[in-house]
Amino acid sequence: MNCFVQLIFLAGLAARPEGIIAWTQCALDKNCRLIQFEPAWCFFNLPAGTFEFGDSNQVPDGTKPGEAKESLKKLIEFLLAAKNREAVTK
């Protein structure tokens, strides 16, 4: 079964890496072929509510505007591991 899953992350667990990964695992368990993740500021250091660099004062100290957040790094790590598990089982 092919499916499309979209999640718009709001405040709370869904916006944290463990929430994003749990939701992604649920979509993979349903054999989804397309998973859409939004908004961009859940994954990159961008001011919330914008898709541009905007006011860099809203970006936490010690980070660069547009830099990948830990949530994106963890998601990539999870997806690569899931892909490797799938390849082993085939």
Protein backbone atom coordinates (compact mmCIF):
# COMPACT_ATOMS: atom_id res chain seq x y z
CA MET A 1 0.00 0.00 0.00
CA ASN A 2 1.36 3.40 -0.93
CA CYS A 3 0.46 6.31 1.26
CA PHE A 4 1.37 9.92 1.81
CA VAL A 5 1.83 11.24 5.31
CA GLN A 6 2.25 14.86 6.29
CA LEU A 7 2.86 16.23 9.73
CA ILE A 8 3.03 19.85 10.61
CA PHE A 9 4.96 19.96 13.84
CA LEU A 10 3.58 22.03 16.63
CA ALA A 11 5.01 22.74 20.06
CA GLY A 12 5.80 19.84 22.33
CA LEU A 13 6.92 16.28 21.69
CA ALA A 14 6.32 16.33 17.93
CA ALA A 15 8.97 19.03 17.45
CA ARG A 16 11.65 17.15 19.44
CA PRO A 17 13.87 14.52 17.78
CA GLU A 18 12.26 11.59 19.62
CA GLY A 19 8.78 12.73 18.57
CA ILE A 20 9.83 13.22 14.97
CA ILE A 21 11.46 9.78 14.87
CA ALA A 22 8.46 8.06 16.50
CA TRP A 23 6.12 9.68 13.97
CA THR A 24 8.45 8.73 11.09
CA GLN A 25 8.63 5.11 12.30
CA CYS A 26 4.82 5.00 12.36
CA ALA A 27 4.71 6.20 8.73
CA LEU A 28 7.35 3.64 7.69
CA ASP A 29 5.40 0.89 9.46
CA LYS A 30 2.47 1.79 7.19
CA ASN A 31 4.76 1.43 4.15
CA CYS A 32 4.44 5.11 3.27
CA ARG A 33 6.41 6.08 0.20
CA LEU A 34 6.28 9.82 0.78
CA ILE A 35 6.69 11.54 4.12
CA GLN A 36 6.56 15.32 4.29
CA PHE A 37 8.09 17.22 7.20
CA GLU A 38 7.13 20.80 8.05
CA PRO A 39 7.91 23.50 9.08
CA ALA A 40 11.54 24.13 8.16
CA TRP A 41 12.39 25.76 11.48
CA CYS A 42 11.97 22.39 13.21
CA PHE A 43 15.06 21.25 11.30
CA PHE A 44 17.11 24.41 10.69
CA ASN A 45 18.06 27.40 12.81
CA LEU A 46 15.55 29.79 11.32
CA PRO A 47 13.29 32.20 13.15
CA ALA A 48 9.97 30.43 13.80
CA GLY A 49 7.26 31.53 11.40
CA THR A 50 9.55 32.29 8.48
CA PHE A 51 11.36 30.44 5.72
CA GLU A 52 14.11 33.05 5.50
CA PHE A 53 17.11 33.88 7.66
CA GLY A 54 15.23 36.93 8.93
CA ASP A 55 16.18 38.26 12.35
CA SER A 56 19.24 36.30 13.44
CA ASN A 57 18.64 37.51 17.01
CA GLN A 58 15.92 34.83 17.23
CA VAL A 59 18.49 32.09 16.55
CA PRO A 60 20.09 30.63 19.72
CA ASP A 61 23.57 31.84 20.64
CA GLY A 62 26.39 29.70 19.31
CA THR A 63 24.53 28.64 16.17
CA LYS A 64 24.49 29.97 12.66
CA PRO A 65 21.23 30.96 10.98
CA GLY A 66 20.21 28.18 8.60
CA GLU A 67 22.42 25.58 10.30
CA ALA A 68 20.92 22.08 10.72
CA LYS A 69 19.40 21.42 14.15
CA GLU A 70 19.89 18.24 16.15
CA SER A 71 16.40 17.10 15.08
CA LEU A 72 17.49 16.96 11.41
CA LYS A 73 20.75 15.19 12.26
CA LYS A 74 18.88 12.57 14.33
CA LEU A 75 16.25 12.10 11.61
CA ILE A 76 18.92 11.52 8.95
CA GLU A 77 20.70 9.05 11.24
CA PHE A 78 17.42 7.20 11.87
CA LEU A 79 16.45 7.05 8.18
CA LEU A 80 19.88 5.75 7.15
CA ALA A 81 19.69 3.05 9.82
CA ALA A 82 16.14 2.13 8.69
CA LYS A 83 17.34 1.89 5.09
CA ASN A 84 20.21 -0.37 6.13
CA ARG A 85 17.84 -2.62 8.16
CA GLU A 86 15.54 -2.90 5.13
CA ALA A 87 18.45 -3.83 2.85
CA VAL A 88 19.54 -6.60 5.23
CA THR A 89 16.06 -8.15 5.37
CA LYS A 90 15.69 -8.34 1.57
